[in-house]
Amino acid sequence: EELFISQPAATKHVQEIEQHFKTKLFERNGSKISLTGAGKILMR
């Protein structure tokens, strides 16, 4: 909503980054997500 794109588009962009680096960036637990170790590094 903040970026004015659809939720599937946001998910797709993140998945493309995960595929590029061959690592998970988010841990998914139902509707909640948190950054993995790799995600925290990329965030920084």
PDB file of all heavy atoms in Angstrom:
ATOM      1  N   GLU A   1       0.837  -1.209   0.000  1.00  0.00           N
ATOM      2  CA  GLU A   1       0.000   0.000   0.000  1.00  0.00           C
ATOM      3  C   GLU A   1       0.867   1.252   0.000  1.00  0.00           C
ATOM      4  O   GLU A   1       0.569   2.228  -0.693  1.00  0.00           O
ATOM      5  CB  GLU A   1      -0.915  -0.015   1.229  1.00  0.00           C
ATOM      6  CG  GLU A   1      -2.014  -1.061   1.160  1.00  0.00           C
ATOM      7  CD  GLU A   1      -2.779  -1.183   2.476  1.00  0.00           C
ATOM      8  OE1 GLU A   1      -2.356  -0.541   3.467  1.00  0.00           O
ATOM      9  OE2 GLU A   1      -3.792  -1.916   2.512  1.00  0.00           O
ATOM     10  N   GLU A   2       1.947   1.223   0.777  1.00  0.00           N
ATOM     11  CA  GLU A   2       2.842   2.379   0.843  1.00  0.00           C
ATOM     12  C   GLU A   2       3.507   2.650  -0.501  1.00  0.00           C
ATOM     13  O   GLU A   2       3.753   3.800  -0.867  1.00  0.00           O
ATOM     14  CB  GLU A   2       3.911   2.149   1.922  1.00  0.00           C
ATOM     15  CG  GLU A   2       4.851   3.321   2.123  1.00  0.00           C
ATOM     16  CD  GLU A   2       5.824   3.092   3.275  1.00  0.00           C
ATOM     17  OE1 GLU A   2       5.422   2.487   4.294  1.00  0.00           O
ATOM     18  OE2 GLU A   2       6.993   3.514   3.152  1.00  0.00           O
ATOM     19  N   LEU A   3       3.809   1.574  -1.245  1.00  0.00           N
ATOM     20  CA  LEU A   3       4.514   1.703  -2.523  1.00  0.00           C
ATOM     21  C   LEU A   3       3.564   1.777  -3.722  1.00  0.00           C
ATOM     22  O   LEU A   3       4.020   1.857  -4.867  1.00  0.00           O
ATOM     23  CB  LEU A   3       5.466   0.517  -2.699  1.00  0.00           C
ATOM     24  CG  LEU A   3       6.629   0.455  -1.704  1.00  0.00           C
ATOM     25  CD1 LEU A   3       7.316  -0.904  -1.781  1.00  0.00           C
ATOM     26  CD2 LEU A   3       7.626   1.572  -1.954  1.00  0.00           C
ATOM     27  N   PHE A   4       2.254   1.700  -3.453  1.00  0.00           N
ATOM     28  CA  PHE A   4       1.231   1.754  -4.507  1.00  0.00           C
ATOM     29  C   PHE A   4       1.401   0.612  -5.519  1.00  0.00           C
ATOM     30  O   PHE A   4       1.303   0.802  -6.733  1.00  0.00           O
ATOM     31  CB  PHE A   4       1.274   3.110  -5.232  1.00  0.00           C
ATOM     32  CG  PHE A   4       1.011   4.275  -4.325  1.00  0.00           C
ATOM     33  CD1 PHE A   4       2.055   5.058  -3.863  1.00  0.00           C
ATOM     34  CD2 PHE A   4      -0.280   4.576  -3.906  1.00  0.00           C
ATOM     35  CE1 PHE A   4       1.818   6.133  -3.016  1.00  0.00           C
ATOM     36  CE2 PHE A   4      -0.529   5.655  -3.054  1.00  0.00           C
ATOM     37  CZ  PHE A   4       0.524   6.427  -2.609  1.00  0.00           C
ATOM     38  N   ILE A   5       1.674  -0.574  -5.002  1.00  0.00           N
ATOM     39  CA  ILE A   5       1.722  -1.771  -5.830  1.00  0.00           C
ATOM     40  C   ILE A   5       0.848  -2.832  -5.170  1.00  0.00           C
ATOM     41  O   ILE A   5       0.389  -2.658  -4.035  1.00  0.00           O
ATOM     42  CB  ILE A   5       3.163  -2.307  -6.018  1.00  0.00           C
ATOM     43  CG1 ILE A   5       3.771  -2.693  -4.650  1.00  0.00           C
ATOM     44  CG2 ILE A   5       4.034  -1.292  -6.736  1.00  0.00           C
ATOM     45  CD1 ILE A   5       5.149  -3.330  -4.750  1.00  0.00           C
ATOM     46  N   SER A   6       0.616  -3.938  -5.870  1.00  0.00           N
ATOM     47  CA  SER A   6      -0.206  -5.001  -5.293  1.00  0.00           C
ATOM     48  C   SER A   6       0.629  -5.846  -4.331  1.00  0.00           C
ATOM     49  O   SER A   6       1.854  -5.886  -4.427  1.00  0.00           O
ATOM     50  CB  SER A   6      -0.774  -5.892  -6.402  1.00  0.00           C
ATOM     51  OG  SER A   6       0.272  -6.606  -7.041  1.00  0.00           O
ATOM     52  N   GLN A   7      -0.065  -6.531  -3.423  1.00  0.00           N
ATOM     53  CA  GLN A   7       0.644  -7.402  -2.476  1.00  0.00           C
ATOM     54  C   GLN A   7       1.372  -8.539  -3.195  1.00  0.00           C
ATOM     55  O   GLN A   7       2.523  -8.843  -2.859  1.00  0.00           O
ATOM     56  CB  GLN A   7      -0.349  -7.934  -1.437  1.00  0.00           C
ATOM     57  CG  GLN A   7       0.303  -8.673  -0.276  1.00  0.00           C
ATOM     58  CD  GLN A   7       0.450 -10.170  -0.556  1.00  0.00           C
ATOM     59  OE1 GLN A   7      -0.344 -10.728  -1.315  1.00  0.00           O
ATOM     60  NE2 GLN A   7       1.450 -10.791   0.020  1.00  0.00           N
ATOM     61  N   PRO A   8       0.759  -9.193  -4.222  1.00  0.00           N
ATOM     62  CA  PRO A   8       1.506 -10.227  -4.955  1.00  0.00           C
ATOM     63  C   PRO A   8       2.761  -9.678  -5.634  1.00  0.00           C
ATOM     64  O   PRO A   8       3.787 -10.365  -5.702  1.00  0.00           O
ATOM     65  CB  PRO A   8       0.484 -10.723  -5.992  1.00  0.00           C
ATOM     66  CG  PRO A   8      -0.846 -10.452  -5.366  1.00  0.00           C
ATOM     67  CD  PRO A   8      -0.667  -9.160  -4.640  1.00  0.00           C
ATOM     68  N   ALA A   9       2.701  -8.419  -6.109  1.00  0.00           N
ATOM     69  CA  ALA A   9       3.878  -7.817  -6.750  1.00  0.00           C
ATOM     70  C   ALA A   9       4.988  -7.608  -5.719  1.00  0.00           C
ATOM     71  O   ALA A   9       6.168  -7.864  -6.000  1.00  0.00           O
ATOM     72  CB  ALA A   9       3.504  -6.496  -7.401  1.00  0.00           C
ATOM     73  N   ALA A  10       4.619  -7.173  -4.514  1.00  0.00           N
ATOM     74  CA  ALA A  10       5.622  -6.988  -3.458  1.00  0.00           C
ATOM     75  C   ALA A  10       6.272  -8.319  -3.101  1.00  0.00           C
ATOM     76  O   ALA A  10       7.501  -8.418  -2.951  1.00  0.00           O
ATOM     77  CB  ALA A  10       4.971  -6.364  -2.226  1.00  0.00           C
ATOM     78  N   THR A  11       5.452  -9.358  -2.971  1.00  0.00           N
ATOM     79  CA  THR A  11       5.973 -10.691  -2.656  1.00  0.00           C
ATOM     80  C   THR A  11       6.917 -11.175  -3.751  1.00  0.00           C
ATOM     81  O   THR A  11       7.984 -11.734  -3.470  1.00  0.00           O
ATOM     82  CB  THR A  11       4.808 -11.686  -2.505  1.00  0.00           C
ATOM     83  OG1 THR A  11       3.935 -11.226  -1.458  1.00  0.00           O
ATOM     84  CG2 THR A  11       5.319 -13.078  -2.156  1.00  0.00           C
ATOM     85  N   LYS A  12       6.547 -10.942  -5.008  1.00  0.00           N
ATOM     86  CA  LYS A  12       7.357 -11.377  -6.144  1.00  0.00           C
ATOM     87  C   LYS A  12       8.726 -10.689  -6.143  1.00  0.00           C
ATOM     88  O   LYS A  12       9.756 -11.325  -6.379  1.00  0.00           O
ATOM     89  CB  LYS A  12       6.623 -11.086  -7.453  1.00  0.00           C
ATOM     90  CG  LYS A  12       7.345 -11.569  -8.710  1.00  0.00           C
ATOM     91  CD  LYS A  12       6.460 -11.386  -9.938  1.00  0.00           C
ATOM     92  CE  LYS A  12       7.159 -11.911 -11.193  1.00  0.00           C
ATOM     93  NZ  LYS A  12       8.334 -11.102 -11.569  1.00  0.00           N
ATOM     94  N   HIS A  13       8.744  -9.393  -5.860  1.00  0.00           N
ATOM     95  CA  HIS A  13      10.021  -8.663  -5.830  1.00  0.00           C
ATOM     96  C   HIS A  13      10.956  -9.229  -4.759  1.00  0.00           C
ATOM     97  O   HIS A  13      12.160  -9.410  -4.995  1.00  0.00           O
ATOM     98  CB  HIS A  13       9.774  -7.178  -5.566  1.00  0.00           C
ATOM     99  CG  HIS A  13       9.273  -6.420  -6.761  1.00  0.00           C
ATOM    100  ND1 HIS A  13       9.971  -6.353  -7.945  1.00  0.00           N
ATOM    101  CD2 HIS A  13       8.145  -5.673  -6.944  1.00  0.00           C
ATOM    102  CE1 HIS A  13       9.304  -5.607  -8.815  1.00  0.00           C
ATOM    103  NE2 HIS A  13       8.189  -5.196  -8.233  1.00  0.00           N
ATOM    104  N   VAL A  14      10.408  -9.506  -3.588  1.00  0.00           N
ATOM    105  CA  VAL A  14      11.230 -10.055  -2.507  1.00  0.00           C
ATOM    106  C   VAL A  14      11.717 -11.456  -2.863  1.00  0.00           C
ATOM    107  O   VAL A  14      12.874 -11.815  -2.622  1.00  0.00           O
ATOM    108  CB  VAL A  14      10.439 -10.056  -1.179  1.00  0.00           C
ATOM    109  CG1 VAL A  14      11.212 -10.841  -0.103  1.00  0.00           C
ATOM    110  CG2 VAL A  14      10.180  -8.629  -0.713  1.00  0.00           C
ATOM    111  N   GLN A  15      10.857 -12.260  -3.447  1.00  0.00           N
ATOM    112  CA  GLN A  15      11.244 -13.621  -3.851  1.00  0.00           C
ATOM    113  C   GLN A  15      12.370 -13.592  -4.879  1.00  0.00           C
ATOM    114  O   GLN A  15      13.267 -14.438  -4.852  1.00  0.00           O
ATOM    115  CB  GLN A  15      10.036 -14.370  -4.406  1.00  0.00           C
ATOM    116  CG  GLN A  15       9.021 -14.775  -3.339  1.00  0.00           C
ATOM    117  CD  GLN A  15       7.766 -15.392  -3.920  1.00  0.00           C
ATOM    118  OE1 GLN A  15       7.458 -15.206  -5.118  1.00  0.00           O
ATOM    119  NE2 GLN A  15       7.012 -16.106  -3.087  1.00  0.00           N
ATOM    120  N   GLU A  16      12.351 -12.601  -5.773  1.00  0.00           N
ATOM    121  CA  GLU A  16      13.413 -12.487  -6.779  1.00  0.00           C
ATOM    122  C   GLU A  16      14.753 -12.180  -6.125  1.00  0.00           C
ATOM    123  O   GLU A  16      15.796 -12.689  -6.556  1.00  0.00           O
ATOM    124  CB  GLU A  16      13.045 -11.396  -7.794  1.00  0.00           C
ATOM    125  CG  GLU A  16      11.930 -11.825  -8.746  1.00  0.00           C
ATOM    126  CD  GLU A  16      11.456 -10.682  -9.625  1.00  0.00           C
ATOM    127  OE1 GLU A  16      11.857  -9.522  -9.365  1.00  0.00           O
ATOM    128  OE2 GLU A  16      10.678 -10.940 -10.565  1.00  0.00           O
ATOM    129  N   ILE A  17      14.730 -11.355  -5.070  1.00  0.00           N
ATOM    130  CA  ILE A  17      15.970 -11.077  -4.341  1.00  0.00           C
ATOM    131  C   ILE A  17      16.445 -12.334  -3.630  1.00  0.00           C
ATOM    132  O   ILE A  17      17.642 -12.669  -3.637  1.00  0.00           O
ATOM    133  CB  ILE A  17      15.770  -9.932  -3.330  1.00  0.00           C
ATOM    134  CG1 ILE A  17      15.364  -8.651  -4.052  1.00  0.00           C
ATOM    135  CG2 ILE A  17      17.070  -9.683  -2.549  1.00  0.00           C
ATOM    136  CD1 ILE A  17      15.028  -7.502  -3.109  1.00  0.00           C
ATOM    137  N   GLU A  18      15.523 -13.068  -3.005  1.00  0.00           N
ATOM    138  CA  GLU A  18      15.888 -14.307  -2.312  1.00  0.00           C
ATOM    139  C   GLU A  18      16.477 -15.325  -3.290  1.00  0.00           C
ATOM    140  O   GLU A  18      17.461 -16.007  -2.973  1.00  0.00           O
ATOM    141  CB  GLU A  18      14.656 -14.894  -1.612  1.00  0.00           C
ATOM    142  CG  GLU A  18      14.193 -14.073  -0.409  1.00  0.00           C
ATOM    143  CD  GLU A  18      12.961 -14.651   0.270  1.00  0.00           C
ATOM    144  OE1 GLU A  18      12.086 -15.189  -0.443  1.00  0.00           O
ATOM    145  OE2 GLU A  18      12.868 -14.558   1.508  1.00  0.00           O
ATOM    146  N   GLN A  19      15.902 -15.410  -4.478  1.00  0.00           N
ATOM    147  CA  GLN A  19      16.426 -16.333  -5.491  1.00  0.00           C
ATOM    148  C   GLN A  19      17.818 -15.906  -5.959  1.00  0.00           C
ATOM    149  O   GLN A  19      18.705 -16.735  -6.177  1.00  0.00           O
ATOM    150  CB  GLN A  19      15.462 -16.386  -6.682  1.00  0.00           C
ATOM    151  CG  GLN A  19      14.148 -17.099  -6.363  1.00  0.00           C
ATOM    152  CD  GLN A  19      13.076 -16.871  -7.423  1.00  0.00           C
ATOM    153  OE1 GLN A  19      13.354 -16.296  -8.483  1.00  0.00           O
ATOM    154  NE2 GLN A  19      11.850 -17.300  -7.136  1.00  0.00           N
ATOM    155  N   HIS A  20      18.007 -14.600  -6.093  1.00  0.00           N
ATOM    156  CA  HIS A  20      19.309 -14.096  -6.546  1.00  0.00           C
ATOM    157  C   HIS A  20      20.410 -14.442  -5.542  1.00  0.00           C
ATOM    158  O   HIS A  20      21.503 -14.887  -5.924  1.00  0.00           O
ATOM    159  CB  HIS A  20      19.239 -12.585  -6.750  1.00  0.00           C
ATOM    160  CG  HIS A  20      20.549 -11.957  -7.139  1.00  0.00           C
ATOM    161  ND1 HIS A  20      21.052 -12.043  -8.425  1.00  0.00           N
ATOM    162  CD2 HIS A  20      21.467 -11.271  -6.409  1.00  0.00           C
ATOM    163  CE1 HIS A  20      22.224 -11.425  -8.476  1.00  0.00           C
ATOM    164  NE2 HIS A  20      22.498 -10.950  -7.256  1.00  0.00           N
ATOM    165  N   PHE A  21      20.118 -14.236  -4.242  1.00  0.00           N
ATOM    166  CA  PHE A  21      21.131 -14.478  -3.218  1.00  0.00           C
ATOM    167  C   PHE A  21      21.076 -15.904  -2.665  1.00  0.00           C
ATOM    168  O   PHE A  21      21.898 -16.283  -1.827  1.00  0.00           O
ATOM    169  CB  PHE A  21      20.975 -13.477  -2.064  1.00  0.00           C
ATOM    170  CG  PHE A  21      21.375 -12.070  -2.428  1.00  0.00           C
ATOM    171  CD1 PHE A  21      20.433 -11.069  -2.518  1.00  0.00           C
ATOM    172  CD2 PHE A  21      22.702 -11.760  -2.684  1.00  0.00           C
ATOM    173  CE1 PHE A  21      20.793  -9.770  -2.847  1.00  0.00           C
ATOM    174  CE2 PHE A  21      23.085 -10.462  -3.017  1.00  0.00           C
ATOM    175  CZ  PHE A  21      22.125  -9.467  -3.105  1.00  0.00           C
ATOM    176  N   LYS A  22      20.070 -16.672  -3.139  1.00  0.00           N
ATOM    177  CA  LYS A  22      19.918 -18.073  -2.715  1.00  0.00           C
ATOM    178  C   LYS A  22      19.830 -18.187  -1.189  1.00  0.00           C
ATOM    179  O   LYS A  22      20.471 -19.044  -0.568  1.00  0.00           O
ATOM    180  CB  LYS A  22      21.064 -18.937  -3.261  1.00  0.00           C
ATOM    181  CG  LYS A  22      21.082 -19.010  -4.783  1.00  0.00           C
ATOM    182  CD  LYS A  22      22.216 -19.892  -5.273  1.00  0.00           C
ATOM    183  CE  LYS A  22      22.163 -20.082  -6.778  1.00  0.00           C
ATOM    184  NZ  LYS A  22      22.251 -18.807  -7.531  1.00  0.00           N
ATOM    185  N   THR A  23      19.036 -17.294  -0.589  1.00  0.00           N
ATOM    186  CA  THR A  23      18.849 -17.339   0.863  1.00  0.00           C
ATOM    187  C   THR A  23      17.521 -16.699   1.232  1.00  0.00           C
ATOM    188  O   THR A  23      17.005 -15.850   0.500  1.00  0.00           O
ATOM    189  CB  THR A  23      19.991 -16.596   1.599  1.00  0.00           C
ATOM    190  OG1 THR A  23      19.851 -16.791   3.009  1.00  0.00           O
ATOM    191  CG2 THR A  23      19.974 -15.103   1.297  1.00  0.00           C
ATOM    192  N   LYS A  24      16.940 -17.119   2.354  1.00  0.00           N
ATOM    193  CA  LYS A  24      15.680 -16.544   2.825  1.00  0.00           C
ATOM    194  C   LYS A  24      15.948 -15.223   3.537  1.00  0.00           C
ATOM    195  O   LYS A  24      16.915 -15.107   4.318  1.00  0.00           O
ATOM    196  CB  LYS A  24      14.988 -17.505   3.792  1.00  0.00           C
ATOM    197  CG  LYS A  24      14.382 -18.739   3.125  1.00  0.00           C
ATOM    198  CD  LYS A  24      13.813 -19.694   4.168  1.00  0.00           C
ATOM    199  CE  LYS A  24      12.709 -19.052   4.967  1.00  0.00           C
ATOM    200  NZ  LYS A  24      12.092 -19.994   5.939  1.00  0.00           N
ATOM    201  N   LEU A  25      15.104 -14.255   3.280  1.00  0.00           N
ATOM    202  CA  LEU A  25      15.225 -12.951   3.918  1.00  0.00           C
ATOM    203  C   LEU A  25      14.213 -12.770   5.044  1.00  0.00           C
ATOM    204  O   LEU A  25      14.420 -11.952   5.945  1.00  0.00           O
ATOM    205  CB  LEU A  25      15.044 -11.832   2.875  1.00  0.00           C
ATOM    206  CG  LEU A  25      16.069 -11.844   1.732  1.00  0.00           C
ATOM    207  CD1 LEU A  25      15.688 -10.820   0.675  1.00  0.00           C
ATOM    208  CD2 LEU A  25      17.473 -11.577   2.271  1.00  0.00           C
ATOM    209  N   PHE A  26      13.108 -13.526   4.978  1.00  0.00           N
ATOM    210  CA  PHE A  26      12.068 -13.417   5.993  1.00  0.00           C
ATOM    211  C   PHE A  26      11.657 -14.804   6.477  1.00  0.00           C
ATOM    212  O   PHE A  26      11.585 -15.747   5.694  1.00  0.00           O
ATOM    213  CB  PHE A  26      10.820 -12.711   5.436  1.00  0.00           C
ATOM    214  CG  PHE A  26      11.039 -11.269   5.072  1.00  0.00           C
ATOM    215  CD1 PHE A  26      11.299 -10.910   3.759  1.00  0.00           C
ATOM    216  CD2 PHE A  26      10.991 -10.281   6.037  1.00  0.00           C
ATOM    217  CE1 PHE A  26      11.503  -9.586   3.409  1.00  0.00           C
ATOM    218  CE2 PHE A  26      11.191  -8.950   5.693  1.00  0.00           C
ATOM    219  CZ  PHE A  26      11.443  -8.599   4.383  1.00  0.00           C
ATOM    220  N   GLU A  27      11.427 -14.893   7.774  1.00  0.00           N
ATOM    221  CA  GLU A  27      10.787 -16.074   8.340  1.00  0.00           C
ATOM    222  C   GLU A  27       9.284 -15.808   8.345  1.00  0.00           C
ATOM    223  O   GLU A  27       8.833 -14.750   8.797  1.00  0.00           O
ATOM    224  CB  GLU A  27      11.265 -16.323   9.772  1.00  0.00           C
ATOM    225  CG  GLU A  27      12.729 -16.698   9.893  1.00  0.00           C
ATOM    226  CD  GLU A  27      13.018 -18.115   9.414  1.00  0.00           C
ATOM    227  OE1 GLU A  27      12.050 -18.837   9.054  1.00  0.00           O
ATOM    228  OE2 GLU A  27      14.198 -18.497   9.403  1.00  0.00           O
ATOM    229  N   ARG A  28       8.513 -16.752   7.841  1.00  0.00           N
ATOM    230  CA  ARG A  28       7.070 -16.570   7.759  1.00  0.00           C
ATOM    231  C   ARG A  28       6.375 -17.510   8.742  1.00  0.00           C
ATOM    232  O   ARG A  28       6.592 -18.714   8.713  1.00  0.00           O
ATOM    233  CB  ARG A  28       6.596 -16.826   6.334  1.00  0.00           C
ATOM    234  CG  ARG A  28       7.152 -15.798   5.341  1.00  0.00           C
ATOM    235  CD  ARG A  28       7.028 -16.269   3.906  1.00  0.00           C
ATOM    236  NE  ARG A  28       7.462 -15.262   2.939  1.00  0.00           N
ATOM    237  CZ  ARG A  28       8.725 -15.046   2.594  1.00  0.00           C
ATOM    238  NH1 ARG A  28       9.699 -15.772   3.146  1.00  0.00           N
ATOM    239  NH2 ARG A  28       9.033 -14.115   1.695  1.00  0.00           N
ATOM    240  N   ASN A  29       5.559 -16.920   9.621  1.00  0.00           N
ATOM    241  CA  ASN A  29       4.811 -17.697  10.613  1.00  0.00           C
ATOM    242  C   ASN A  29       3.354 -17.257  10.552  1.00  0.00           C
ATOM    243  O   ASN A  29       2.930 -16.333  11.239  1.00  0.00           O
ATOM    244  CB  ASN A  29       5.389 -17.487  12.011  1.00  0.00           C
ATOM    245  CG  ASN A  29       4.676 -18.311  13.057  1.00  0.00           C
ATOM    246  OD1 ASN A  29       3.904 -19.203  12.727  1.00  0.00           O
ATOM    247  ND2 ASN A  29       4.931 -18.012  14.322  1.00  0.00           N
ATOM    248  N   GLY A  30       2.593 -17.902   9.676  1.00  0.00           N
ATOM    249  CA  GLY A  30       1.218 -17.490   9.451  1.00  0.00           C
ATOM    250  C   GLY A  30       1.202 -16.129   8.775  1.00  0.00           C
ATOM    251  O   GLY A  30       1.829 -15.917   7.750  1.00  0.00           O
ATOM    252  N   SER A  31       0.506 -15.197   9.391  1.00  0.00           N
ATOM    253  CA  SER A  31       0.436 -13.844   8.831  1.00  0.00           C
ATOM    254  C   SER A  31       1.589 -12.959   9.298  1.00  0.00           C
ATOM    255  O   SER A  31       1.758 -11.843   8.816  1.00  0.00           O
ATOM    256  CB  SER A  31      -0.896 -13.179   9.240  1.00  0.00           C
ATOM    257  OG  SER A  31      -0.984 -13.093  10.656  1.00  0.00           O
ATOM    258  N   LYS A  32       2.390 -13.453  10.233  1.00  0.00           N
ATOM    259  CA  LYS A  32       3.501 -12.663  10.773  1.00  0.00           C
ATOM    260  C   LYS A  32       4.808 -13.023  10.082  1.00  0.00           C
ATOM    261  O   LYS A  32       5.034 -14.176   9.718  1.00  0.00           O
ATOM    262  CB  LYS A  32       3.630 -12.884  12.279  1.00  0.00           C
ATOM    263  CG  LYS A  32       2.443 -12.376  13.080  1.00  0.00           C
ATOM    264  CD  LYS A  32       2.661 -12.562  14.567  1.00  0.00           C
ATOM    265  CE  LYS A  32       1.482 -12.027  15.373  1.00  0.00           C
ATOM    266  NZ  LYS A  32       1.690 -12.206  16.828  1.00  0.00           N
ATOM    267  N   ILE A  33       5.666 -12.009   9.893  1.00  0.00           N
ATOM    268  CA  ILE A  33       6.984 -12.249   9.310  1.00  0.00           C
ATOM    269  C   ILE A  33       8.043 -11.574  10.174  1.00  0.00           C
ATOM    270  O   ILE A  33       7.758 -10.633  10.917  1.00  0.00           O
ATOM    271  CB  ILE A  33       7.086 -11.728   7.860  1.00  0.00           C
ATOM    272  CG1 ILE A  33       6.876 -10.212   7.817  1.00  0.00           C
ATOM    273  CG2 ILE A  33       6.106 -12.437   6.947  1.00  0.00           C
ATOM    274  CD1 ILE A  33       7.180  -9.598   6.461  1.00  0.00           C
ATOM    275  N   SER A  34       9.257 -12.076  10.084  1.00  0.00           N
ATOM    276  CA  SER A  34      10.397 -11.465  10.773  1.00  0.00           C
ATOM    277  C   SER A  34      11.626 -11.633   9.884  1.00  0.00           C
ATOM    278  O   SER A  34      11.676 -12.518   9.023  1.00  0.00           O
ATOM    279  CB  SER A  34      10.626 -12.124  12.134  1.00  0.00           C
ATOM    280  OG  SER A  34      10.872 -13.514  11.975  1.00  0.00           O
ATOM    281  N   LEU A  35      12.605 -10.777  10.094  1.00  0.00           N
ATOM    282  CA  LEU A  35      13.830 -10.839   9.298  1.00  0.00           C
ATOM    283  C   LEU A  35      14.700 -12.009   9.741  1.00  0.00           C
ATOM    284  O   LEU A  35      14.864 -12.276  10.934  1.00  0.00           O
ATOM    285  CB  LEU A  35      14.618  -9.538   9.449  1.00  0.00           C
ATOM    286  CG  LEU A  35      14.076  -8.318   8.701  1.00  0.00           C
ATOM    287  CD1 LEU A  35      14.756  -7.049   9.211  1.00  0.00           C
ATOM    288  CD2 LEU A  35      14.299  -8.463   7.202  1.00  0.00           C
ATOM    289  N   THR A  36      15.270 -12.707   8.768  1.00  0.00           N
ATOM    290  CA  THR A  36      16.291 -13.717   9.065  1.00  0.00           C
ATOM    291  C   THR A  36      17.615 -12.994   9.279  1.00  0.00           C
ATOM    292  O   THR A  36      17.717 -11.773   9.124  1.00  0.00           O
ATOM    293  CB  THR A  36      16.438 -14.700   7.888  1.00  0.00           C
ATOM    294  OG1 THR A  36      16.902 -13.955   6.740  1.00  0.00           O
ATOM    295  CG2 THR A  36      15.123 -15.379   7.565  1.00  0.00           C
ATOM    296  N   GLY A  37      18.655 -13.756   9.605  1.00  0.00           N
ATOM    297  CA  GLY A  37      19.982 -13.158   9.741  1.00  0.00           C
ATOM    298  C   GLY A  37      20.413 -12.479   8.456  1.00  0.00           C
ATOM    299  O   GLY A  37      20.946 -11.359   8.468  1.00  0.00           O
ATOM    300  N   ALA A  38      20.167 -13.149   7.322  1.00  0.00           N
ATOM    301  CA  ALA A  38      20.513 -12.566   6.022  1.00  0.00           C
ATOM    302  C   ALA A  38      19.682 -11.314   5.764  1.00  0.00           C
ATOM    303  O   ALA A  38      20.180 -10.323   5.205  1.00  0.00           O
ATOM    304  CB  ALA A  38      20.290 -13.584   4.909  1.00  0.00           C
ATOM    305  N   GLY A  39      18.409 -11.352   6.163  1.00  0.00           N
ATOM    306  CA  GLY A  39      17.536 -10.199   5.974  1.00  0.00           C
ATOM    307  C   GLY A  39      18.017  -8.990   6.748  1.00  0.00           C
ATOM    308  O   GLY A  39      17.964  -7.856   6.257  1.00  0.00           O
ATOM    309  N   LYS A  40      18.504  -9.218   7.977  1.00  0.00           N
ATOM    310  CA  LYS A  40      19.019  -8.106   8.789  1.00  0.00           C
ATOM    311  C   LYS A  40      20.256  -7.486   8.139  1.00  0.00           C
ATOM    312  O   LYS A  40      20.447  -6.261   8.173  1.00  0.00           O
ATOM    313  CB  LYS A  40      19.346  -8.598  10.201  1.00  0.00           C
ATOM    314  CG  LYS A  40      18.109  -8.962  11.016  1.00  0.00           C
ATOM    315  CD  LYS A  40      18.488  -9.533  12.371  1.00  0.00           C
ATOM    316  CE  LYS A  40      17.241  -9.939  13.165  1.00  0.00           C
ATOM    317  NZ  LYS A  40      17.581 -10.555  14.463  1.00  0.00           N
ATOM    318  N   ILE A  41      21.108  -8.341   7.550  1.00  0.00           N
ATOM    319  CA  ILE A  41      22.298  -7.821   6.868  1.00  0.00           C
ATOM    320  C   ILE A  41      21.897  -6.984   5.664  1.00  0.00           C
ATOM    321  O   ILE A  41      22.412  -5.879   5.450  1.00  0.00           O
ATOM    322  CB  ILE A  41      23.217  -8.984   6.435  1.00  0.00           C
ATOM    323  CG1 ILE A  41      23.838  -9.643   7.672  1.00  0.00           C
ATOM    324  CG2 ILE A  41      24.310  -8.494   5.480  1.00  0.00           C
ATOM    325  CD1 ILE A  41      24.611 -10.911   7.369  1.00  0.00           C
ATOM    326  N   LEU A  42      20.944  -7.507   4.865  1.00  0.00           N
ATOM    327  CA  LEU A  42      20.506  -6.761   3.688  1.00  0.00           C
ATOM    328  C   LEU A  42      19.820  -5.462   4.102  1.00  0.00           C
ATOM    329  O   LEU A  42      19.996  -4.428   3.445  1.00  0.00           O
ATOM    330  CB  LEU A  42      19.558  -7.607   2.844  1.00  0.00           C
ATOM    331  CG  LEU A  42      19.101  -6.966   1.520  1.00  0.00           C
ATOM    332  CD1 LEU A  42      20.306  -6.636   0.634  1.00  0.00           C
ATOM    333  CD2 LEU A  42      18.132  -7.878   0.775  1.00  0.00           C
ATOM    334  N   MET A  43      19.075  -5.488   5.187  1.00  0.00           N
ATOM    335  CA  MET A  43      18.420  -4.272   5.679  1.00  0.00           C
ATOM    336  C   MET A  43      19.464  -3.207   6.006  1.00  0.00           C
ATOM    337  O   MET A  43      19.306  -2.034   5.652  1.00  0.00           O
ATOM    338  CB  MET A  43      17.587  -4.603   6.924  1.00  0.00           C
ATOM    339  CG  MET A  43      16.880  -3.413   7.543  1.00  0.00           C
ATOM    340  SD  MET A  43      15.630  -2.716   6.444  1.00  0.00           S
ATOM    341  CE  MET A  43      14.782  -1.625   7.583  1.00  0.00           C
ATOM    342  N   ARG A  44      20.529  -3.618   6.673  1.00  0.00           N
ATOM    343  CA  ARG A  44      21.578  -2.666   7.035  1.00  0.00           C
ATOM    344  C   ARG A  44      22.212  -2.040   5.792  1.00  0.00           C
ATOM    345  O   ARG A  44      22.401  -0.828   5.705  1.00  0.00           O
ATOM    346  CB  ARG A  44      22.653  -3.358   7.877  1.00  0.00           C
ATOM    347  CG  ARG A  44      23.703  -2.383   8.420  1.00  0.00           C
ATOM    348  CD  ARG A  44      24.713  -3.070   9.313  1.00  0.00           C
ATOM    349  NE  ARG A  44      25.703  -3.817   8.549  1.00  0.00           N
ATOM    350  CZ  ARG A  44      25.862  -5.126   8.587  1.00  0.00           C
ATOM    351  NH1 ARG A  44      25.078  -5.861   9.352  1.00  0.00           N
ATOM    352  NH2 ARG A  44      26.789  -5.726   7.875  1.00  0.00           N
TER     353      ARG A  44
END
